[in-house]
Every structure is written in structure tokens, then in C-alpha cells.
């Protein structure tokens, strides 16, 4: 967890009063707040909450050994943590006051001097929008930061992410660090879980954005109505000051109606329904697609227009870039300043890790590695690859274990419908049987088209070798799922793994040149 170098100091009695808890034991200074007994710095307040299987207070002694100053927990946890000998703050709902405690200790309330906060939620595209924002902000000369499922970025320093959206404790520590480092704007990927699990407590975003809502996370939310209800609170006055909403999916119009804050709308001509494009404030239109990127225009109903290029393929990526630009405008950055930077640099300069990332060379088949793991993401990315591929398109993918199993048949159907050849393999099986996951995918693929060229290959190290053997010059492989990730999760163990490196090696072994490793690589090897 990233933390400020010079933390605030608060007395435990002050924390107890602020969160409505009761102090038990001596009063001490606390320098931070954490849920982790191991990722803990001396002097911090350890928070023990009831989990699905264990109570966090069971780790109080470990926290004490690592230098914790005190424990915040409930009455049950207080009895468990007593043996650690630390002073306690006892609250009825420690999870509920977690954000308030962290905000108070770090001095990061919405009324304090903080960076501009730009948050993006939705099913697909939120990671890409966030990385594009960080790149664009840097491009116009702003000291920026970002938080995504891939990494946390603070003024150029990058570390691997844990959760997609930080826990409240990490979020407020980040805000304090951003302030300390002079960061002007912070772009954040906001998951549905962050909203419903109260990771955003004590945080108000200057601009909140909505990309789309499609089938995903029904293992958590049960149905699409509940999933929508998890996203909608992000657009209330408690969470944001203004919003930018994409009308590319139907729920965007509903977000506009339900939002409590001022809303600006945007639509992509190639994605949204014609009536949505007609009523949008801003319209994105693709002008050219190449393997190196997508050219597009962004036009306002008042006649303002810019033409630029995003260094990733696909109309959906142009839509993401347009959304990022409009978010910057809504945050107060001048139109002329943004246009001048884009014209100076010949387009958007941003790294979007694992999003339709080309890892092949100039000769032979094109190989793209992508993070997409929903039917909608498959459909859009396959269509983008198809438009820049003169030959056949091969789709290589697997499905997550212990995640929304209801989307697996649609993933297989979409893969078959959008490709000429499909190779089904493993992804993160977690605690599921990998063969059982593949069986659902294979059966659904065959039911979609019994004559489709289909292969089942495990493990993925062998699957990419097989995929490369099936294609030639002018063809393309889309390997969906692993994207930027540097591990596979098998029975709770994370094994080192890079789809990008495996694809490069498979190409080289087959006699084809691989692309140079142009991506930042702080986590591999």
C-alpha cells in the first residue's frame, strides 16, 4: 500500500470520537490506518472486521508484532484482540466507519485541499479510460496519477494493483501521498464492488464517468437490475459533483435520468443507437483504423471538433478516448490546451496495458493480447481486429474460475461468431476444475456452429503454440483474457505468467519475428 512519507498524527481518542467508537486502554498517536496485519507500518491503526470465514481481529497479535499502535474493531473483535495488549477503539460497524477513520487520520476529507478526482465506472472500458486519462493529463503538462486494475501510478511511479479499486484505507493513504507529491489530478477505475462494499467512503469525485453496462459480475449481483443498482449511486451528490455518461449502451440513458448531478453525454457513431448519437452532447466518429491505432473525430453540438488518434485499435477504444477528453473538459481543462497538445504530439500518447496489445512483428501473423473477459468485450474487440486483418481471425481464450459462470456460454458463442478459428484453453481456474470450465465453453461453441474450426488445448502455454501453427501472413490471433496480468491463479497460488512473452516466444519458435518489447515491464522476469 502506497503511503505518504510524512504522515499526519492523530490521537486515538480523537479517532474514537470521530467514528463514534469507544476507547479502551491508553491514548496513543496513530499515523495511518490499514486492514492488513502484514502490510503495516509502525504506528498505524489496525482494523479488524468480520470476514466470510474469520474475524480480522484474529490477526491483532501479528499486527502488534509488526508495530501496530492500536486496533479498531467491534465488540466481538475486541474480545479476540485483547491478548495483543494494544489499545482498542470499539465501534458497532468498523467496516462502515473505515473510510471515515482513514479520512480523519490522513486529513483527506472532500473539504481538504486534494487533487482533482476523475472516476470511471461501467462494465467494459473503465481501465482503458483511466489509463488514457493519465496519459492525456501528463501530455498537457499536468502532474497526474491513476488507479486501475493493472497498477497504481503516482507522478510516474508505478506499482502493481491489488484490488481494482483501492480499499478505503489505501484510497485515503493514496490521497495523502498524491497531495504530498504535488499531484494535480488523479484518475480512478471504480468497480461496482467498490461502491457496494463501501471502499469510497469519504471520497467525492469531481467528475464521474459511465462507460456501459453489459453482462458481468452476476455471481456478485444476481441479475442486471441489481448490477445497475450497484453502479447508480456513483452519480449521486454523495459520490460526485458532475458526470460524463456514454450512451453507447442502453443503461447510459437511465443513468442520465437517475443522476443527481449535472450530466454531459457522449456517444460513438459506430457503437451507439442512431437516436442516442442524435441526442448526445458529444459524438465520436472513427475515420481510420490501422494496426497501430484508431483515428477519430470528437465533435460537440456547438460545432467544436478535434481530430486525433488513439494508439489502440477499435471503435470502442476511440469511444474510451473521447470519454477521457470530455472528462478533462468537465474537470476544467481548456479545450485549446488539449487540442494543442494532441496536434503537437500527433495524437494521444498513453500506455493502455493489455488492451488489444500488438506483440507480433512486421511479418507473419498479427498477434494481439487483450484483457477482455466479457461477451461484449469479445464482440467489440473481435470486430476491431477483423477490420484491420486481411486474412483469417483466430480467437484464443479461456474463462475465469470462481467468477460469473453464467456468461461463459455467451463468451463462447461470441468467440465463434466473430472468428474463423477458435482455440479454447485455460485462464484463472482458481478452485474450479479447469477441464469443467473448458467443457462448458467447448459445448457452447459447438452448439453455436458445429462446423466451426475449433480446438481445445491445455495449458495456455501449449494453446498459443497451437494457435500460431494454425495461421500465416495476413492472419491475426486475438488472445483474450490475460492482457497485462503477470500471473495465473491456480488453487489459490499465483504462478508467474506473461501471455505477451509466451506469444512472442511462440512466434519466434515458428520462425516469425516478434514485436519489440515496447511495454513497461517492471513486474516480469
Protein backbone atom coordinates (compact mmCIF):
# COMPACT_ATOMS: atom_id res chain seq x y z
CA UNK A 1 0.00 0.00 0.00
CA UNK A 2 1.37 3.40 -1.00
CA UNK A 3 1.55 5.88 1.88
CA UNK A 4 2.71 9.46 2.45
CA UNK A 5 6.32 9.81 3.56
CA UNK A 6 5.31 12.29 6.26
CA UNK A 7 2.05 11.07 7.77
CA UNK A 8 -0.43 13.02 9.85
CA UNK A 9 -0.52 12.34 13.57
CA UNK A 10 -3.84 11.83 15.33
CA UNK A 11 -4.56 10.71 18.86
CA UNK A 12 -6.57 7.51 19.18
CA UNK A 13 -9.10 9.31 21.37
CA UNK A 14 -9.74 11.73 18.51
CA UNK A 15 -10.29 8.84 16.10
CA UNK A 16 -12.69 7.18 18.54
CA UNK A 17 -14.70 10.38 18.91
CA UNK A 18 -14.78 10.95 15.13
CA UNK A 19 -16.14 7.48 14.29
CA UNK A 20 -18.45 7.24 17.32
CA UNK A 21 -16.45 4.46 18.94
CA UNK A 22 -15.29 3.80 22.50
CA UNK A 23 -11.64 3.98 23.53
CA UNK A 24 -10.42 1.10 25.66
CA UNK A 25 -6.89 1.44 27.04
CA UNK A 26 -4.30 4.18 26.81
CA UNK A 27 -4.40 7.04 24.34
CA UNK A 28 -1.69 6.83 21.66
CA UNK A 29 -0.78 8.56 18.42
CA UNK A 30 -1.70 6.84 15.14
CA UNK A 31 -0.01 7.57 11.80
CA UNK A 32 -2.20 5.64 9.39
CA UNK A 33 -4.94 3.03 9.03
CA UNK A 34 -4.72 -0.46 7.49
CA UNK A 35 -6.72 -3.67 7.18
CA UNK A 36 -3.56 -5.73 6.72
CA UNK A 37 -1.58 -7.12 9.63
CA UNK A 38 1.44 -7.64 7.36
CA UNK A 39 1.35 -4.55 5.12
CA UNK A 40 1.56 -2.32 8.16
CA UNK A 41 3.93 0.39 9.24
CA UNK A 42 4.80 1.04 12.90
CA UNK A 43 2.35 3.44 14.50
CA UNK A 44 -0.62 2.58 12.30
CA UNK A 45 -4.13 1.65 13.41
CA UNK A 46 -5.00 -1.94 12.52
CA UNK A 47 -8.66 -2.56 11.67
CA UNK A 48 -10.15 -5.99 12.37
CA UNK A 49 -13.50 -6.69 10.67
CA UNK A 50 -15.62 -9.81 10.47
CA UNK A 51 -14.96 -11.65 7.19
CA UNK A 52 -16.75 -14.52 5.49
CA UNK A 53 -14.70 -17.15 7.32
CA UNK A 54 -12.63 -15.43 10.01
CA UNK A 55 -12.58 -12.27 12.08
CA UNK A 56 -9.77 -9.87 11.23
CA UNK A 57 -9.14 -9.31 14.94
CA UNK A 58 -7.58 -12.78 15.00
CA UNK A 59 -4.53 -11.14 13.40
CA UNK A 60 -4.15 -8.44 16.07
CA UNK A 61 -1.13 -10.13 17.68
CA UNK A 62 0.61 -10.29 14.31
CA UNK A 63 -0.24 -6.63 13.78
CA UNK A 64 1.18 -5.79 17.21
CA UNK A 65 4.39 -7.64 16.37
CA UNK A 66 4.67 -5.53 13.21
CA UNK A 67 4.31 -2.29 15.14
CA UNK A 68 0.58 -1.51 15.18
CA UNK A 69 -0.29 1.25 17.63
CA UNK A 70 -3.88 0.19 18.26
CA UNK A 71 -6.84 -1.82 16.94
CA UNK A 72 -10.22 -0.64 15.63
CA UNK A 73 -12.81 -3.42 15.77
CA UNK A 74 -16.27 -4.42 17.03
CA UNK A 75 -17.21 -5.94 20.39
CA UNK A 76 -16.60 -9.48 19.14
CA UNK A 77 -13.21 -8.45 17.79
CA UNK A 78 -12.30 -6.64 21.00
CA UNK A 79 -12.55 -9.87 22.96
CA UNK A 80 -10.40 -11.65 20.37
CA UNK A 81 -7.81 -8.86 20.13
CA UNK A 82 -7.39 -8.37 23.90
CA UNK A 83 -4.45 -10.77 24.02
CA UNK A 84 -2.44 -8.47 21.72
CA UNK A 85 -2.25 -5.92 24.54
CA UNK A 86 -2.98 -2.95 22.27
CA UNK A 87 -5.40 -0.11 23.00
CA UNK A 88 -8.73 -0.52 21.23
CA UNK A 89 -11.41 1.55 19.58
CA UNK A 90 -14.65 -0.42 19.67
CA UNK A 91 -17.30 0.53 17.09
CA UNK A 92 -20.59 -1.15 16.19
CA UNK A 93 -19.67 -1.29 12.48
CA UNK A 94 -15.91 -1.00 11.91
CA UNK A 95 -16.32 -1.71 8.19
CA UNK A 96 -18.82 1.14 7.94
CA UNK A 97 -16.53 3.67 9.65
CA UNK A 98 -13.34 2.50 7.94
CA UNK A 99 -13.35 5.31 5.39
CA UNK A 100 -14.17 7.93 8.00
CA UNK A 101 -11.30 6.75 10.19
CA UNK A 102 -8.81 6.77 7.30
CA UNK A 103 -10.04 10.16 6.07
CA UNK A 104 -9.71 11.67 9.55
CA UNK A 105 -6.22 10.27 10.18
CA UNK A 106 -4.85 11.35 6.77
CA UNK A 107 -6.71 14.67 6.62
CA UNK A 108 -8.31 13.86 3.27
CA UNK A 109 -11.91 14.99 3.59
CA UNK A 110 -13.63 16.41 0.49
CA UNK A 111 -13.19 19.85 2.10
CA UNK A 112 -9.39 19.48 2.31
CA UNK A 113 -7.00 20.52 -0.45
CA UNK A 114 -6.90 17.42 -2.68
CA UNK A 115 -6.15 16.59 -6.32
CA UNK A 116 -8.95 16.66 -8.87
CA UNK A 117 -10.59 13.22 -8.78
CA UNK A 118 -11.83 11.68 -12.05
CA UNK A 119 -13.55 8.32 -11.61
CA UNK A 120 -14.82 5.94 -14.28
CA UNK A 121 -17.25 3.07 -13.77
CA UNK A 122 -19.02 0.63 -16.11
CA UNK A 123 -18.59 -2.97 -17.25
CA UNK A 124 -16.04 -2.52 -20.04
CA UNK A 125 -13.64 0.31 -20.82
CA UNK A 126 -13.10 1.79 -17.37
CA UNK A 127 -9.48 0.61 -17.14
CA UNK A 128 -8.71 1.96 -20.61
CA UNK A 129 -10.37 5.32 -19.92
CA UNK A 130 -8.36 5.67 -16.71
CA UNK A 131 -5.03 4.95 -18.40
CA UNK A 132 -5.92 7.27 -21.26
CA UNK A 133 -6.75 10.00 -18.75
CA UNK A 134 -3.39 9.62 -17.02
CA UNK A 135 -1.60 9.77 -20.37
CA UNK A 136 -3.59 12.76 -21.63
CA UNK A 137 -3.19 14.69 -18.39
CA UNK A 138 0.56 14.10 -18.48
CA UNK A 139 0.58 15.11 -22.14
CA UNK A 140 -0.86 18.56 -21.37
CA UNK A 141 1.69 19.08 -18.59
CA UNK A 142 -0.30 18.03 -15.54
CA UNK A 143 1.35 16.05 -12.73
CA UNK A 144 -1.08 13.12 -12.68
CA UNK A 145 -1.80 9.79 -11.03
CA UNK A 146 -4.02 6.81 -11.71
CA UNK A 147 -5.50 3.76 -10.04
CA UNK A 148 -6.62 0.78 -12.15
CA UNK A 149 -6.89 -2.99 -12.00
CA UNK A 150 -3.39 -3.06 -13.51
CA UNK A 151 -1.48 -0.58 -11.37
CA UNK A 152 -1.35 2.45 -9.14
CA UNK A 153 0.51 5.43 -10.64
CA UNK A 154 1.70 8.44 -8.65
CA UNK A 155 3.65 11.09 -10.57
CA UNK A 156 5.30 8.43 -12.74
CA UNK A 157 5.89 5.84 -10.00
CA UNK A 158 4.05 2.58 -10.83
CA UNK A 159 3.21 -0.33 -8.54
CA UNK A 160 1.07 -3.44 -9.10
CA UNK A 161 -2.56 -3.15 -8.00
CA UNK A 162 -4.30 -5.46 -5.58
CA UNK A 163 -8.00 -4.70 -5.85
CA UNK A 164 -9.40 -2.95 -8.93
CA UNK A 165 -10.48 -0.06 -6.71
CA UNK A 166 -8.47 0.59 -3.53
CA UNK A 167 -9.89 -0.22 -0.12
CA UNK A 168 -10.88 2.91 1.81
CA UNK A 169 -7.71 2.70 3.88
CA UNK A 170 -5.49 2.56 0.78
CA UNK A 171 -7.53 5.24 -1.01
CA UNK A 172 -7.07 7.85 1.70
CA UNK A 173 -3.38 6.99 2.10
CA UNK A 174 -3.06 7.46 -1.67
CA UNK A 175 -4.80 10.82 -1.50
CA UNK A 176 -2.39 11.96 1.21
CA UNK A 177 0.57 10.77 -0.88
CA UNK A 178 -0.78 12.50 -4.00
CA UNK A 179 -1.06 15.75 -2.09
CA UNK A 180 2.46 15.30 -0.72
CA UNK A 181 3.85 14.68 -4.24
CA UNK A 182 2.08 17.67 -5.77
CA UNK A 183 -0.23 15.61 -7.98
CA UNK A 184 -2.86 17.83 -9.61
CA UNK A 185 -5.30 15.20 -10.94
CA UNK A 186 -5.98 11.56 -10.11
CA UNK A 187 -7.85 9.17 -12.45
CA UNK A 188 -9.54 6.19 -10.79
CA UNK A 189 -11.15 2.99 -12.10
CA UNK A 190 -14.25 2.46 -9.94
CA UNK A 191 -15.70 -1.05 -9.73
CA UNK A 192 -19.24 -1.93 -8.69
CA UNK A 193 -17.75 -3.74 -5.70
CA UNK A 194 -16.01 -0.54 -4.61
CA UNK A 195 -19.38 1.21 -4.49
CA UNK A 196 -21.37 -1.53 -2.76
CA UNK A 197 -18.57 -2.57 -0.38
CA UNK A 198 -18.01 1.00 0.78
CA UNK A 199 -14.46 1.45 -0.46
CA UNK A 200 -15.29 5.02 -1.49
CA UNK A 201 -16.34 6.27 1.95
CA UNK A 202 -15.20 9.84 2.49
CA UNK A 203 -14.43 10.39 -1.22
CA UNK A 204 -16.27 12.74 -3.61
CA UNK A 205 -15.22 12.73 -7.27
CA UNK A 206 -15.04 15.96 -9.25
CA UNK A 207 -16.05 14.09 -12.41
CA UNK A 208 -17.72 10.67 -12.52
CA UNK A 209 -18.00 8.81 -15.82
CA UNK A 210 -20.09 5.87 -17.06
CA UNK A 211 -18.92 3.69 -19.97
CA UNK A 212 -21.56 0.94 -20.41
CA UNK A 213 -23.37 -1.87 -18.62
CA UNK A 214 -23.25 -5.40 -20.03
CA UNK A 215 -23.28 -8.97 -18.69
CA UNK A 216 -20.68 -9.43 -15.94
CA UNK A 217 -20.42 -9.92 -12.16
CA UNK A 218 -23.78 -11.65 -11.85
CA UNK A 219 -22.08 -14.01 -9.39
CA UNK A 220 -21.98 -10.98 -7.07
CA UNK A 221 -25.20 -9.21 -8.04
CA UNK A 222 -27.55 -11.93 -9.28
CA UNK A 223 -29.23 -10.05 -12.11
CA UNK A 224 -28.71 -7.00 -14.31
CA UNK A 225 -31.12 -4.82 -12.32
CA UNK A 226 -29.13 -5.39 -9.13
CA UNK A 227 -25.89 -4.82 -11.06
CA UNK A 228 -27.26 -1.49 -12.34
CA UNK A 229 -28.28 -0.55 -8.80
CA UNK A 230 -24.67 -1.13 -7.70
CA UNK A 231 -23.37 1.41 -10.23
CA UNK A 232 -26.05 4.12 -9.98
CA UNK A 233 -25.03 5.54 -6.54
CA UNK A 234 -21.76 6.76 -8.08
CA UNK A 235 -23.79 9.52 -9.74
CA UNK A 236 -25.34 10.87 -6.55
CA UNK A 237 -24.22 14.05 -4.77
CA UNK A 238 -22.64 11.92 -2.06
CA UNK A 239 -20.14 10.50 -4.55
CA UNK A 240 -19.62 13.04 -7.36
CA UNK A 241 -20.01 16.67 -8.43
CA UNK A 242 -20.71 16.21 -12.16
CA UNK A 243 -20.82 13.36 -14.67
CA UNK A 244 -19.97 12.33 -18.22
CA UNK A 245 -22.19 9.48 -19.42
CA UNK A 246 -21.75 7.35 -22.54
CA UNK A 247 -24.96 6.49 -24.37
CA UNK A 248 -23.29 3.57 -26.17
CA UNK A 249 -25.34 1.07 -24.13
CA UNK A 250 -28.99 1.36 -23.13
CA UNK A 251 -28.36 1.82 -19.39
CA UNK A 252 -26.49 5.06 -20.15
CA UNK A 253 -29.80 6.83 -20.77
CA UNK A 254 -31.10 5.53 -17.46
CA UNK A 255 -28.01 6.82 -15.63
CA UNK A 256 -28.71 10.26 -17.15
CA UNK A 257 -32.27 10.16 -15.78
CA UNK A 258 -31.28 8.89 -12.32
CA UNK A 259 -28.18 11.07 -11.77
CA UNK A 260 -28.37 13.74 -9.06
CA UNK A 261 -25.51 15.76 -10.59
CA UNK A 262 -25.12 17.73 -13.86
CA UNK A 263 -24.54 15.35 -16.80
CA UNK A 264 -22.77 15.69 -20.15
CA UNK A 265 -23.42 12.90 -22.66
CA UNK A 266 -21.27 11.29 -25.35
CA UNK A 267 -21.91 8.61 -27.98
CA UNK A 268 -19.80 6.73 -30.53
CA UNK A 269 -21.32 6.73 -34.01
CA UNK A 270 -20.12 3.17 -34.68
CA UNK A 271 -21.48 1.74 -31.41
CA UNK A 272 -24.50 3.67 -30.10
CA UNK A 273 -28.03 3.53 -31.48
CA UNK A 274 -28.71 6.33 -34.03
CA UNK A 275 -31.16 8.10 -31.71
CA UNK A 276 -28.52 8.13 -28.93
CA UNK A 277 -25.97 9.67 -31.30
CA UNK A 278 -28.55 12.29 -32.28
CA UNK A 279 -29.19 13.48 -28.72
CA UNK A 280 -25.61 13.22 -27.36
CA UNK A 281 -23.70 16.39 -26.48
CA UNK A 282 -20.50 14.92 -27.92
CA UNK A 283 -20.06 12.41 -30.78
CA UNK A 284 -17.05 10.21 -31.53
CA UNK A 285 -16.65 9.07 -35.15
CA UNK A 286 -13.91 6.75 -36.40
CA UNK A 287 -12.12 7.97 -39.53
CA UNK A 288 -9.46 5.27 -39.98
CA UNK A 289 -8.33 2.03 -38.32
CA UNK A 290 -4.82 0.63 -38.58
CA UNK A 291 -2.87 -1.94 -36.59
CA UNK A 292 -1.01 0.94 -34.95
CA UNK A 293 -4.12 2.79 -33.81
CA UNK A 294 -7.53 4.33 -34.48
CA UNK A 295 -8.11 7.82 -35.89
CA UNK A 296 -11.29 9.58 -34.84
CA UNK A 297 -13.05 12.90 -34.51
CA UNK A 298 -14.69 14.27 -31.37
CA UNK A 299 -17.40 16.83 -32.11
CA UNK A 300 -19.66 18.91 -29.85
CA UNK A 301 -23.14 20.00 -30.84
CA UNK A 302 -21.85 23.61 -30.77
CA UNK A 303 -19.51 22.87 -33.68
CA UNK A 304 -16.20 22.39 -31.83
CA UNK A 305 -14.28 19.43 -33.27
CA UNK A 306 -10.88 17.82 -32.99
CA UNK A 307 -9.27 15.02 -34.97
CA UNK A 308 -6.70 12.74 -33.35
CA UNK A 309 -5.55 9.13 -33.00
CA UNK A 310 -5.53 6.71 -30.05
CA UNK A 311 -2.69 4.12 -30.16
CA UNK A 312 -5.03 1.10 -29.86
CA UNK A 313 -7.39 -0.48 -32.40
CA UNK A 314 -11.17 -0.37 -32.27
CA UNK A 315 -14.14 1.95 -32.30
CA UNK A 316 -14.62 1.14 -28.61
CA UNK A 317 -11.11 2.47 -27.89
CA UNK A 318 -11.90 5.68 -29.79
CA UNK A 319 -15.05 5.93 -27.64
CA UNK A 320 -12.94 5.49 -24.49
CA UNK A 321 -10.51 8.19 -25.65
CA UNK A 322 -13.36 10.59 -26.43
CA UNK A 323 -14.85 9.98 -22.99
CA UNK A 324 -11.48 10.71 -21.35
CA UNK A 325 -11.12 14.01 -23.24
CA UNK A 326 -14.63 15.14 -22.28
CA UNK A 327 -13.93 14.25 -18.64
CA UNK A 328 -10.90 16.54 -18.75
CA UNK A 329 -13.03 19.34 -20.19
CA UNK A 330 -15.62 18.85 -17.44
CA UNK A 331 -12.81 18.95 -14.86
CA UNK A 332 -11.92 22.44 -16.11
CA UNK A 333 -9.03 21.85 -18.52
CA UNK A 334 -9.20 24.17 -21.53
CA UNK A 335 -10.22 22.91 -24.97
CA UNK A 336 -7.36 24.80 -26.67
CA UNK A 337 -4.80 23.34 -24.28
CA UNK A 338 -5.90 19.77 -25.05
CA UNK A 339 -6.10 20.34 -28.82
CA UNK A 340 -2.66 21.96 -28.90
CA UNK A 341 -1.05 19.01 -27.09
CA UNK A 342 -2.69 16.45 -29.41
CA UNK A 343 -1.62 18.37 -32.51
CA UNK A 344 1.91 18.81 -31.18
CA UNK A 345 2.34 15.09 -30.46
CA UNK A 346 0.42 13.72 -33.45
CA UNK A 347 -2.19 12.01 -31.27
CA UNK A 348 -2.76 10.62 -27.80
CA UNK A 349 0.37 9.45 -26.00
CA UNK A 350 -0.76 6.89 -23.46
CA UNK A 351 0.04 3.32 -22.47
CA UNK A 352 -3.06 1.15 -22.16
CA UNK A 353 -1.67 -2.12 -20.71
CA UNK A 354 -3.00 -5.36 -22.18
CA UNK A 355 -5.70 -3.75 -24.30
CA UNK A 356 -5.51 -5.16 -27.86
CA UNK A 357 -1.75 -5.02 -27.46
CA UNK A 358 0.15 -5.97 -30.63
CA UNK A 359 3.07 -8.27 -29.74
CA UNK A 360 4.00 -9.51 -33.23
CA UNK A 361 6.45 -8.12 -35.77
CA UNK A 362 6.03 -6.64 -39.24
CA UNK A 363 5.96 -10.03 -40.98
CA UNK A 364 3.76 -13.07 -40.41
CA UNK A 365 0.51 -13.16 -38.42
CA UNK A 366 -0.57 -10.32 -36.18
CA UNK A 367 -0.96 -11.35 -32.52
CA UNK A 368 -2.93 -9.23 -30.07
CA UNK A 369 -3.14 -9.82 -26.32
CA UNK A 370 -6.20 -8.37 -24.63
CA UNK A 371 -7.77 -8.20 -21.17
CA UNK A 372 -11.37 -8.53 -22.38
CA UNK A 373 -13.32 -11.17 -20.47
CA UNK A 374 -16.99 -10.46 -21.21
CA UNK A 375 -19.16 -11.27 -24.25
CA UNK A 376 -19.48 -7.57 -25.07
CA UNK A 377 -15.71 -7.05 -24.90
CA UNK A 378 -15.17 -10.10 -27.12
CA UNK A 379 -17.65 -8.81 -29.71
CA UNK A 380 -16.17 -5.31 -29.94
CA UNK A 381 -12.52 -6.41 -29.93
CA UNK A 382 -13.02 -9.20 -32.48
CA UNK A 383 -14.80 -6.73 -34.77
CA UNK A 384 -11.89 -4.29 -34.40
CA UNK A 385 -9.33 -7.00 -35.21
CA UNK A 386 -11.42 -8.14 -38.18
CA UNK A 387 -11.43 -4.64 -39.70
CA UNK A 388 -7.62 -4.43 -39.78
CA UNK A 389 -6.98 -8.08 -40.79
CA UNK A 390 -6.96 -9.08 -44.48
CA UNK A 391 -6.91 -12.83 -43.69
CA UNK A 392 -8.43 -15.09 -41.05
CA UNK A 393 -9.04 -14.22 -37.40
CA UNK A 394 -8.27 -16.80 -34.69
CA UNK A 395 -9.71 -16.34 -31.20
CA UNK A 396 -7.82 -17.85 -28.24
CA UNK A 397 -9.45 -17.60 -24.82
CA UNK A 398 -10.41 -19.23 -21.53
CA UNK A 399 -12.75 -18.29 -18.69
CA UNK A 400 -12.21 -17.34 -15.05
CA UNK A 401 -12.92 -19.92 -12.39
CA UNK A 402 -14.96 -18.94 -9.32
CA UNK A 403 -16.43 -15.98 -11.22
CA UNK A 404 -19.66 -15.32 -13.11
CA UNK A 405 -20.26 -18.69 -14.78
CA UNK A 406 -23.47 -17.51 -16.46
CA UNK A 407 -21.52 -15.51 -19.05
CA UNK A 408 -19.39 -18.46 -20.24
CA UNK A 409 -21.81 -19.75 -22.92
CA UNK A 410 -22.17 -16.24 -24.34
CA UNK A 411 -18.39 -15.81 -24.34
CA UNK A 412 -18.03 -18.99 -26.42
CA UNK A 413 -20.87 -18.02 -28.75
CA UNK A 414 -19.40 -14.57 -29.36
CA UNK A 415 -15.93 -16.02 -29.97
CA UNK A 416 -17.24 -18.43 -32.61
CA UNK A 417 -19.42 -15.84 -34.33
CA UNK A 418 -16.56 -13.33 -34.56
CA UNK A 419 -13.68 -15.62 -35.61
CA UNK A 420 -12.72 -18.10 -38.30
CA UNK A 421 -10.87 -20.40 -35.88
CA UNK A 422 -11.34 -20.75 -32.12
CA UNK A 423 -8.89 -22.23 -29.61
CA UNK A 424 -10.26 -22.77 -26.10
CA UNK A 425 -7.80 -23.02 -23.22
CA UNK A 426 -7.48 -22.19 -19.50
CA UNK A 427 -7.33 -18.82 -17.79
CA UNK A 428 -7.53 -18.49 -13.98
CA UNK A 429 -9.20 -21.75 -12.86
CA UNK A 430 -8.79 -20.76 -9.20
CA UNK A 431 -10.52 -23.52 -7.21
CA UNK A 432 -12.63 -24.83 -10.09
CA UNK A 433 -11.65 -27.77 -12.26
CA UNK A 434 -10.14 -26.32 -15.43
CA UNK A 435 -11.45 -29.17 -17.59
CA UNK A 436 -15.01 -28.48 -16.40
CA UNK A 437 -14.71 -24.81 -17.38
CA UNK A 438 -13.37 -25.75 -20.82
CA UNK A 439 -16.17 -28.29 -21.30
CA UNK A 440 -18.85 -25.59 -20.95
CA UNK A 441 -17.01 -23.35 -23.40
CA UNK A 442 -16.45 -26.14 -25.95
CA UNK A 443 -20.05 -27.38 -25.75
CA UNK A 444 -21.38 -23.85 -26.21
CA UNK A 445 -19.02 -23.20 -29.12
CA UNK A 446 -20.09 -26.40 -30.89
CA UNK A 447 -23.75 -25.63 -30.29
CA UNK A 448 -23.23 -22.22 -31.93
CA UNK A 449 -21.69 -23.67 -35.10
CA UNK A 450 -20.96 -27.43 -35.36
CA UNK A 451 -18.81 -26.84 -38.48
CA UNK A 452 -16.64 -24.13 -36.95
CA UNK A 453 -12.89 -24.91 -36.75
CA UNK A 454 -12.47 -25.48 -33.02
CA UNK A 455 -9.64 -26.75 -30.83
CA UNK A 456 -9.36 -27.40 -27.09
CA UNK A 457 -5.77 -27.10 -25.85
CA UNK A 458 -4.48 -27.04 -22.28
CA UNK A 459 -2.42 -25.45 -20.76
CA UNK A 460 -2.29 -21.98 -22.36
CA UNK A 461 1.46 -22.34 -22.94
CA UNK A 462 0.59 -25.09 -25.45
CA UNK A 463 -2.52 -23.32 -26.72
CA UNK A 464 -0.63 -20.28 -28.05
CA UNK A 465 1.86 -22.57 -29.82
CA UNK A 466 -1.07 -24.39 -31.44
CA UNK A 467 -2.72 -21.09 -32.39
CA UNK A 468 0.42 -19.78 -34.10
CA UNK A 469 0.70 -23.06 -36.06
CA UNK A 470 -2.79 -22.52 -37.50
CA UNK A 471 -2.24 -19.06 -39.01
CA UNK A 472 0.00 -17.38 -41.53
CA UNK A 473 0.82 -13.98 -43.08
CA UNK A 474 -2.21 -11.71 -43.18
CA UNK A 475 -3.99 -13.62 -40.42
CA UNK A 476 -4.47 -12.47 -36.82
CA UNK A 477 -4.70 -14.04 -33.36
CA UNK A 478 -6.66 -12.37 -30.57
CA UNK A 479 -5.70 -13.84 -27.20
CA UNK A 480 -8.38 -12.54 -24.85
CA UNK A 481 -8.35 -12.65 -21.06
CA UNK A 482 -4.77 -12.37 -19.74
CA UNK A 483 -3.97 -8.87 -21.00
CA UNK A 484 -1.49 -7.11 -18.73
CA UNK A 485 -1.59 -9.72 -15.95
CA UNK A 486 1.64 -11.37 -14.89
CA UNK A 487 0.25 -14.46 -13.13
CA UNK A 488 -2.26 -17.31 -13.27
CA UNK A 489 -4.35 -18.19 -10.22
CA UNK A 490 -4.50 -21.97 -9.67
CA UNK A 491 -5.93 -23.28 -6.38
CA UNK A 492 -5.08 -20.06 -4.61
CA UNK A 493 -1.48 -19.88 -5.81
CA UNK A 494 -0.37 -17.15 -8.23
CA UNK A 495 2.08 -18.58 -10.74
CA UNK A 496 4.31 -16.22 -12.76
CA UNK A 497 2.98 -15.98 -16.28
CA UNK A 498 3.01 -13.49 -19.17
CA UNK A 499 0.79 -14.05 -22.20
CA UNK A 500 2.75 -11.38 -24.05
CA UNK A 501 6.04 -13.21 -23.57
CA UNK A 502 4.50 -16.59 -24.39
CA UNK A 503 3.08 -15.17 -27.62
CA UNK A 504 6.43 -13.66 -28.59
CA UNK A 505 8.24 -16.94 -27.95
CA UNK A 506 5.67 -18.92 -29.94
CA UNK A 507 6.11 -16.59 -32.91
CA UNK A 508 9.91 -16.79 -32.76
CA UNK A 509 9.85 -20.60 -32.45
CA UNK A 510 7.58 -20.73 -35.50
CA UNK A 511 10.06 -18.67 -37.50
CA UNK A 512 8.23 -15.34 -37.32
CA UNK A 513 9.65 -12.09 -35.93
CA UNK A 514 8.11 -10.88 -32.71
CA UNK A 515 7.47 -7.25 -31.89
CA UNK A 516 9.91 -5.44 -29.69
CA UNK A 517 9.01 -5.31 -26.03
CA UNK A 518 7.68 -1.76 -26.03
CA UNK A 519 5.55 -2.06 -22.90
CA UNK A 520 6.77 -1.01 -19.45
CA UNK A 521 7.90 -4.18 -17.74
CA UNK A 522 8.52 -3.57 -14.03
CA UNK A 523 6.79 -6.76 -12.84
CA UNK A 524 8.02 -9.54 -15.13
CA UNK A 525 11.24 -11.59 -15.35
